[in-house]
Amino acid sequence: MSFVKQSNRNAADTIIRKLAKRNIDGFFCETCADAVHKALELMPQGSVLSWGGSMSINECGLMDAVQKRSYTLIDRNAASTPQEKRELFSRTVMADYYLMSTNAITMEGELVNIDGFGNRVSCLCAGPEHVLVIAGMNKVVGNVQAGIDRIRTKAAPPNTTRLNKDTPCAKTGVCGNCFSPDCICSQIVVTRRSGIPGRIKVILVNEDLGF
């Protein structure tokens, strides 16, 4: 396993250099605890935070950590009606920091994401002043197409099962390229650079996180 960890470090160094050319700040942390410490260091207390649906930010402990500090949290799950959901989203796009993971990241530093409704990828593209991405090294792929393939084979099927969606992949574990009402693959977004230097910050973690 030490060889895998060292290989991950080497890959992370390469990715971080590529991210810099894309106006994206990159960081590498050995453990989830280190990643949480780095994330909190980047976000001044008193900031307004929101987040997208992400197993990674929960698994690494970041969500537990921010709830214990003096941040203003905008929780989309607090909405009980469609109107409340719209109002919370309008506040989310004005947040100081938006927390998320990425479905895949290429060795060239491109972020690859697929969304059902687009709320997560829309905040990645524009709105919140800063976007903080936490990704395990299991999300690293060779290129954009490999990233899309990874999402369809390794991320979407377990996600539909977790969310109790009625889709072909929830039943078979294999992407059906469906148009189901419950489809979570409506938007495919490739982030090749940040128009605002440093707005997007990526923390790579030398652990497996999320799907």
C-alpha atoms as a PDB file:
ATOM      1  CA  MET A   1       0.000   0.000   0.000  1.00  0.00           C
ATOM      2  CA  SER A   2       2.906   2.382   0.588  1.00  0.00           C
ATOM      3  CA  PHE A   3       3.680   2.192  -3.142  1.00  0.00           C
ATOM      4  CA  VAL A   4       0.091   3.184  -3.965  1.00  0.00           C
ATOM      5  CA  LYS A   5       0.250   6.104  -1.538  1.00  0.00           C
ATOM      6  CA  GLN A   6       3.501   7.330  -3.060  1.00  0.00           C
ATOM      7  CA  SER A   7       2.092   6.975  -6.558  1.00  0.00           C
ATOM      8  CA  ASN A   8      -0.911   9.045  -5.432  1.00  0.00           C
ATOM      9  CA  ARG A   9       1.438  11.748  -4.119  1.00  0.00           C
ATOM     10  CA  ASN A  10       3.228  11.853  -7.461  1.00  0.00           C
ATOM     11  CA  ALA A  11      -0.066  12.067  -9.339  1.00  0.00           C
ATOM     12  CA  ALA A  12      -1.340  14.800  -7.023  1.00  0.00           C
ATOM     13  CA  ASP A  13       1.790  16.873  -7.650  1.00  0.00           C
ATOM     14  CA  THR A  14       1.163  16.616 -11.385  1.00  0.00           C
ATOM     15  CA  ILE A  15      -2.528  17.500 -11.058  1.00  0.00           C
ATOM     16  CA  ILE A  16      -1.843  20.501  -8.811  1.00  0.00           C
ATOM     17  CA  ARG A  17       0.604  21.904 -11.356  1.00  0.00           C
ATOM     18  CA  LYS A  18      -2.017  21.455 -14.075  1.00  0.00           C
ATOM     19  CA  LEU A  19      -4.695  23.081 -11.900  1.00  0.00           C
ATOM     20  CA  ALA A  20      -2.523  26.165 -11.448  1.00  0.00           C
ATOM     21  CA  LYS A  21      -2.447  26.657 -15.219  1.00  0.00           C
ATOM     22  CA  ARG A  22      -6.239  26.593 -15.118  1.00  0.00           C
ATOM     23  CA  ASN A  23      -6.518  29.324 -12.432  1.00  0.00           C
ATOM     24  CA  ILE A  24      -7.499  26.702  -9.844  1.00  0.00           C
ATOM     25  CA  ASP A  25      -5.710  26.388  -6.496  1.00  0.00           C
ATOM     26  CA  GLY A  26      -4.724  22.837  -5.606  1.00  0.00           C
ATOM     27  CA  PHE A  27      -3.712  21.283  -2.285  1.00  0.00           C
ATOM     28  CA  PHE A  28      -2.753  17.768  -1.237  1.00  0.00           C
ATOM     29  CA  CYS A  29      -3.493  16.182   2.140  1.00  0.00           C
ATOM     30  CA  GLU A  30      -2.495  12.728   3.333  1.00  0.00           C
ATOM     31  CA  THR A  31      -5.555  12.134   5.515  1.00  0.00           C
ATOM     32  CA  CYS A  32      -9.152  13.231   5.907  1.00  0.00           C
ATOM     33  CA  ALA A  33      -8.237  14.972   9.159  1.00  0.00           C
ATOM     34  CA  ASP A  34      -5.571  16.967   7.327  1.00  0.00           C
ATOM     35  CA  ALA A  35      -8.061  17.841   4.597  1.00  0.00           C
ATOM     36  CA  VAL A  36     -10.624  19.114   7.108  1.00  0.00           C
ATOM     37  CA  HIS A  37      -7.927  21.207   8.804  1.00  0.00           C
ATOM     38  CA  LYS A  38      -6.925  22.705   5.441  1.00  0.00           C
ATOM     39  CA  ALA A  39     -10.545  23.426   4.494  1.00  0.00           C
ATOM     40  CA  LEU A  40     -11.218  25.211   7.781  1.00  0.00           C
ATOM     41  CA  GLU A  41      -7.995  27.153   7.353  1.00  0.00           C
ATOM     42  CA  LEU A  42      -9.207  28.375   3.951  1.00  0.00           C
ATOM     43  CA  MET A  43     -12.645  29.469   5.221  1.00  0.00           C
ATOM     44  CA  PRO A  44     -12.668  32.306   7.802  1.00  0.00           C
ATOM     45  CA  GLN A  45     -15.137  31.813  10.629  1.00  0.00           C
ATOM     46  CA  GLY A  46     -18.230  33.929  10.109  1.00  0.00           C
ATOM     47  CA  SER A  47     -18.368  32.980   6.421  1.00  0.00           C
ATOM     48  CA  VAL A  48     -21.631  31.891   4.800  1.00  0.00           C
ATOM     49  CA  LEU A  49     -21.408  28.265   3.623  1.00  0.00           C
ATOM     50  CA  SER A  50     -23.562  26.001   1.542  1.00  0.00           C
ATOM     51  CA  TRP A  51     -22.934  22.656  -0.113  1.00  0.00           C
ATOM     52  CA  GLY A  52     -24.022  20.172  -2.730  1.00  0.00           C
ATOM     53  CA  GLY A  53     -24.974  16.557  -2.223  1.00  0.00           C
ATOM     54  CA  SER A  54     -21.651  14.833  -1.565  1.00  0.00           C
ATOM     55  CA  MET A  55     -20.634  11.665   0.199  1.00  0.00           C
ATOM     56  CA  SER A  56     -17.024  12.867   0.244  1.00  0.00           C
ATOM     57  CA  ILE A  57     -17.535  16.001   2.345  1.00  0.00           C
ATOM     58  CA  ASN A  58     -19.528  13.935   4.823  1.00  0.00           C
ATOM     59  CA  GLU A  59     -17.138  10.987   4.924  1.00  0.00           C
ATOM     60  CA  CYS A  60     -14.052  13.138   5.490  1.00  0.00           C
ATOM     61  CA  GLY A  61     -15.684  14.865   8.486  1.00  0.00           C
ATOM     62  CA  LEU A  62     -15.953  18.367   7.037  1.00  0.00           C
ATOM     63  CA  MET A  63     -19.704  18.697   7.562  1.00  0.00           C
ATOM     64  CA  ASP A  64     -19.386  17.750  11.227  1.00  0.00           C
ATOM     65  CA  ALA A  65     -16.559  20.251  11.626  1.00  0.00           C
ATOM     66  CA  VAL A  66     -18.318  23.260  10.091  1.00  0.00           C
ATOM     67  CA  GLN A  67     -21.394  22.696  12.239  1.00  0.00           C
ATOM     68  CA  LYS A  68     -19.248  23.142  15.356  1.00  0.00           C
ATOM     69  CA  ARG A  69     -17.888  26.530  14.273  1.00  0.00           C
ATOM     70  CA  SER A  70     -19.275  30.003  13.800  1.00  0.00           C
ATOM     71  CA  TYR A  71     -20.304  29.716  10.171  1.00  0.00           C
ATOM     72  CA  THR A  72     -23.685  30.658   8.733  1.00  0.00           C
ATOM     73  CA  LEU A  73     -24.939  27.476   7.065  1.00  0.00           C
ATOM     74  CA  ILE A  74     -27.443  27.341   4.215  1.00  0.00           C
ATOM     75  CA  ASP A  75     -28.875  23.814   4.191  1.00  0.00           C
ATOM     76  CA  ARG A  76     -30.954  23.001   1.122  1.00  0.00           C
ATOM     77  CA  ASN A  77     -32.428  20.001   2.959  1.00  0.00           C
ATOM     78  CA  ALA A  78     -34.132  22.400   5.368  1.00  0.00           C
ATOM     79  CA  ALA A  79     -36.648  23.320   2.655  1.00  0.00           C
ATOM     80  CA  SER A  80     -40.096  21.755   3.029  1.00  0.00           C
ATOM     81  CA  THR A  81     -41.738  23.270  -0.074  1.00  0.00           C
ATOM     82  CA  PRO A  82     -40.620  23.997  -3.652  1.00  0.00           C
ATOM     83  CA  GLN A  83     -40.785  27.721  -2.917  1.00  0.00           C
ATOM     84  CA  GLU A  84     -38.533  27.346   0.139  1.00  0.00           C
ATOM     85  CA  LYS A  85     -36.121  25.324  -1.977  1.00  0.00           C
ATOM     86  CA  ARG A  86     -35.969  28.141  -4.541  1.00  0.00           C
ATOM     87  CA  GLU A  87     -35.395  30.710  -1.804  1.00  0.00           C
ATOM     88  CA  LEU A  88     -32.588  28.655  -0.245  1.00  0.00           C
ATOM     89  CA  PHE A  89     -30.952  28.207  -3.630  1.00  0.00           C
ATOM     90  CA  SER A  90     -31.079  31.957  -4.224  1.00  0.00           C
ATOM     91  CA  ARG A  91     -29.149  32.386  -0.981  1.00  0.00           C
ATOM     92  CA  THR A  92     -26.771  29.566  -1.899  1.00  0.00           C
ATOM     93  CA  VAL A  93     -25.564  31.293  -5.062  1.00  0.00           C
ATOM     94  CA  MET A  94     -24.565  34.279  -2.904  1.00  0.00           C
ATOM     95  CA  ALA A  95     -22.663  32.170  -0.340  1.00  0.00           C
ATOM     96  CA  ASP A  96     -19.050  32.913   0.522  1.00  0.00           C
ATOM     97  CA  TYR A  97     -18.082  29.247   0.117  1.00  0.00           C
ATOM     98  CA  TYR A  98     -19.729  26.346  -1.666  1.00  0.00           C
ATOM     99  CA  LEU A  99     -18.573  22.884  -0.564  1.00  0.00           C
ATOM    100  CA  MET A 100     -18.630  19.913  -2.902  1.00  0.00           C
ATOM    101  CA  SER A 101     -16.652  17.052  -4.324  1.00  0.00           C
ATOM    102  CA  THR A 102     -16.125  16.239  -7.985  1.00  0.00           C
ATOM    103  CA  ASN A 103     -17.254  13.073  -9.708  1.00  0.00           C
ATOM    104  CA  ALA A 104     -13.870  12.835 -11.421  1.00  0.00           C
ATOM    105  CA  ILE A 105     -10.684  14.841 -11.918  1.00  0.00           C
ATOM    106  CA  THR A 106      -8.325  14.232 -14.801  1.00  0.00           C
ATOM    107  CA  MET A 107      -4.553  14.112 -14.689  1.00  0.00           C
ATOM    108  CA  GLU A 108      -4.705  17.337 -16.709  1.00  0.00           C
ATOM    109  CA  GLY A 109      -6.665  19.069 -13.930  1.00  0.00           C
ATOM    110  CA  GLU A 110     -10.133  19.066 -15.502  1.00  0.00           C
ATOM    111  CA  LEU A 111     -13.136  18.568 -13.214  1.00  0.00           C
ATOM    112  CA  VAL A 112     -15.812  16.259 -14.611  1.00  0.00           C
ATOM    113  CA  ASN A 113     -19.296  16.261 -13.097  1.00  0.00           C
ATOM    114  CA  ILE A 114     -22.744  14.917 -13.943  1.00  0.00           C
ATOM    115  CA  ASP A 115     -25.866  16.265 -12.204  1.00  0.00           C
ATOM    116  CA  GLY A 116     -29.543  15.488 -12.128  1.00  0.00           C
ATOM    117  CA  PHE A 117     -30.978  18.984 -11.644  1.00  0.00           C
ATOM    118  CA  GLY A 118     -27.829  21.065 -12.077  1.00  0.00           C
ATOM    119  CA  ASN A 119     -27.861  22.915  -8.744  1.00  0.00           C
ATOM    120  CA  ARG A 120     -24.407  21.586  -7.809  1.00  0.00           C
ATOM    121  CA  VAL A 121     -22.705  22.168 -11.151  1.00  0.00           C
ATOM    122  CA  SER A 122     -24.335  25.584 -11.545  1.00  0.00           C
ATOM    123  CA  CYS A 123     -22.712  26.714  -8.283  1.00  0.00           C
ATOM    124  CA  LEU A 124     -19.410  25.300  -9.461  1.00  0.00           C
ATOM    125  CA  CYS A 125     -19.682  27.392 -12.629  1.00  0.00           C
ATOM    126  CA  ALA A 126     -20.870  30.684 -11.098  1.00  0.00           C
ATOM    127  CA  GLY A 127     -22.431  32.304  -8.055  1.00  0.00           C
ATOM    128  CA  PRO A 128     -20.706  31.538  -4.747  1.00  0.00           C
ATOM    129  CA  GLU A 129     -17.569  33.600  -4.201  1.00  0.00           C
ATOM    130  CA  HIS A 130     -15.449  30.514  -3.537  1.00  0.00           C
ATOM    131  CA  VAL A 131     -15.896  26.830  -4.372  1.00  0.00           C
ATOM    132  CA  LEU A 132     -14.080  24.276  -2.215  1.00  0.00           C
ATOM    133  CA  VAL A 133     -13.750  20.806  -3.744  1.00  0.00           C
ATOM    134  CA  ILE A 134     -12.613  17.821  -1.675  1.00  0.00           C
ATOM    135  CA  ALA A 135     -11.753  14.707  -3.664  1.00  0.00           C
ATOM    136  CA  GLY A 136     -10.179  11.398  -2.790  1.00  0.00           C
ATOM    137  CA  MET A 137      -7.493  10.127  -5.122  1.00  0.00           C
ATOM    138  CA  ASN A 138      -9.929   7.401  -6.203  1.00  0.00           C
ATOM    139  CA  LYS A 139     -11.588  10.110  -8.336  1.00  0.00           C
ATOM    140  CA  VAL A 140      -8.497  10.576 -10.541  1.00  0.00           C
ATOM    141  CA  VAL A 141      -8.841   9.512 -14.188  1.00  0.00           C
ATOM    142  CA  GLY A 142      -6.750   9.795 -17.323  1.00  0.00           C
ATOM    143  CA  ASN A 143      -8.998  12.051 -19.390  1.00  0.00           C
ATOM    144  CA  VAL A 144     -12.477  13.551 -19.687  1.00  0.00           C
ATOM    145  CA  GLN A 145     -14.033  10.531 -21.400  1.00  0.00           C
ATOM    146  CA  ALA A 146     -12.604   8.265 -18.694  1.00  0.00           C
ATOM    147  CA  GLY A 147     -14.192  10.615 -16.168  1.00  0.00           C
ATOM    148  CA  ILE A 148     -17.611  10.318 -17.801  1.00  0.00           C
ATOM    149  CA  ASP A 149     -17.210   6.543 -17.976  1.00  0.00           C
ATOM    150  CA  ARG A 150     -16.220   6.463 -14.317  1.00  0.00           C
ATOM    151  CA  ILE A 151     -19.308   8.410 -13.301  1.00  0.00           C
ATOM    152  CA  ARG A 152     -21.642   6.189 -15.286  1.00  0.00           C
ATOM    153  CA  THR A 153     -20.138   2.930 -14.035  1.00  0.00           C
ATOM    154  CA  LYS A 154     -18.897   3.672 -10.511  1.00  0.00           C
ATOM    155  CA  ALA A 155     -20.732   6.775  -9.237  1.00  0.00           C
ATOM    156  CA  ALA A 156     -24.240   6.935 -10.664  1.00  0.00           C
ATOM    157  CA  PRO A 157     -25.404   3.354  -9.968  1.00  0.00           C
ATOM    158  CA  PRO A 158     -24.626   3.398  -6.203  1.00  0.00           C
ATOM    159  CA  ASN A 159     -25.909   6.978  -5.966  1.00  0.00           C
ATOM    160  CA  THR A 160     -29.279   6.030  -7.418  1.00  0.00           C
ATOM    161  CA  THR A 161     -29.444   3.144  -4.956  1.00  0.00           C
ATOM    162  CA  ARG A 162     -28.567   5.482  -2.072  1.00  0.00           C
ATOM    163  CA  LEU A 163     -31.220   7.983  -3.176  1.00  0.00           C
ATOM    164  CA  ASN A 164     -33.833   5.276  -3.827  1.00  0.00           C
ATOM    165  CA  LYS A 165     -34.240   6.293  -7.472  1.00  0.00           C
ATOM    166  CA  ASP A 166     -36.240   4.283  -9.978  1.00  0.00           C
ATOM    167  CA  THR A 167     -33.683   4.040 -12.779  1.00  0.00           C
ATOM    168  CA  PRO A 168     -32.238   1.162 -14.795  1.00  0.00           C
ATOM    169  CA  CYS A 169     -28.829   1.511 -13.115  1.00  0.00           C
ATOM    170  CA  ALA A 170     -30.435   1.304  -9.663  1.00  0.00           C
ATOM    171  CA  LYS A 171     -31.746  -2.141 -10.641  1.00  0.00           C
ATOM    172  CA  THR A 172     -28.862  -3.494 -12.716  1.00  0.00           C
ATOM    173  CA  GLY A 173     -25.802  -1.565 -11.521  1.00  0.00           C
ATOM    174  CA  VAL A 174     -25.147  -0.658 -15.162  1.00  0.00           C
ATOM    175  CA  CYS A 175     -25.841   2.696 -16.857  1.00  0.00           C
ATOM    176  CA  GLY A 176     -28.812   2.417 -19.213  1.00  0.00           C
ATOM    177  CA  ASN A 177     -28.278   5.858 -20.779  1.00  0.00           C
ATOM    178  CA  CYS A 178     -31.860   6.428 -19.677  1.00  0.00           C
ATOM    179  CA  PHE A 179     -34.394   9.255 -19.819  1.00  0.00           C
ATOM    180  CA  SER A 180     -36.130   8.074 -16.666  1.00  0.00           C
ATOM    181  CA  PRO A 181     -37.992  10.701 -14.590  1.00  0.00           C
ATOM    182  CA  ASP A 182     -35.578   9.800 -11.777  1.00  0.00           C
ATOM    183  CA  CYS A 183     -32.461  10.112 -13.949  1.00  0.00           C
ATOM    184  CA  ILE A 184     -29.573  11.800 -12.103  1.00  0.00           C
ATOM    185  CA  CYS A 185     -27.519  12.293 -15.280  1.00  0.00           C
ATOM    186  CA  SER A 186     -29.053  15.357 -16.933  1.00  0.00           C
ATOM    187  CA  GLN A 187     -26.123  17.764 -17.034  1.00  0.00           C
ATOM    188  CA  ILE A 188     -22.533  16.915 -17.996  1.00  0.00           C
ATOM    189  CA  VAL A 189     -20.112  19.697 -17.047  1.00  0.00           C
ATOM    190  CA  VAL A 190     -16.378  19.787 -17.684  1.00  0.00           C
ATOM    191  CA  THR A 191     -14.540  22.560 -15.855  1.00  0.00           C
ATOM    192  CA  ARG A 192     -11.375  23.228 -17.848  1.00  0.00           C
ATOM    193  CA  ARG A 193     -10.442  26.490 -16.072  1.00  0.00           C
ATOM    194  CA  SER A 194     -11.695  29.038 -13.571  1.00  0.00           C
ATOM    195  CA  GLY A 195     -12.560  32.401 -15.101  1.00  0.00           C
ATOM    196  CA  ILE A 196     -11.765  33.984 -11.718  1.00  0.00           C
ATOM    197  CA  PRO A 197      -8.251  33.047 -10.552  1.00  0.00           C
ATOM    198  CA  GLY A 198      -8.341  31.106  -7.281  1.00  0.00           C
ATOM    199  CA  ARG A 199     -12.135  30.977  -6.999  1.00  0.00           C
ATOM    200  CA  ILE A 200     -12.080  27.161  -7.181  1.00  0.00           C
ATOM    201  CA  LYS A 201      -9.898  25.361  -4.666  1.00  0.00           C
ATOM    202  CA  VAL A 202      -9.327  21.613  -4.882  1.00  0.00           C
ATOM    203  CA  ILE A 203      -8.115  19.557  -1.919  1.00  0.00           C
ATOM    204  CA  LEU A 204      -6.881  16.130  -3.010  1.00  0.00           C
ATOM    205  CA  VAL A 205      -6.853  13.515  -0.254  1.00  0.00           C
ATOM    206  CA  ASN A 206      -4.674  10.404  -0.222  1.00  0.00           C
ATOM    207  CA  GLU A 207      -7.683   8.264   0.719  1.00  0.00           C
ATOM    208  CA  ASP A 208     -10.729   6.866  -1.042  1.00  0.00           C
ATOM    209  CA  LEU A 209     -13.744   9.134  -0.611  1.00  0.00           C
ATOM    210  CA  GLY A 210     -17.242   8.871  -2.035  1.00  0.00           C
ATOM    211  CA  PHE A 211     -18.264   7.024  -5.156  1.00  0.00           C
END
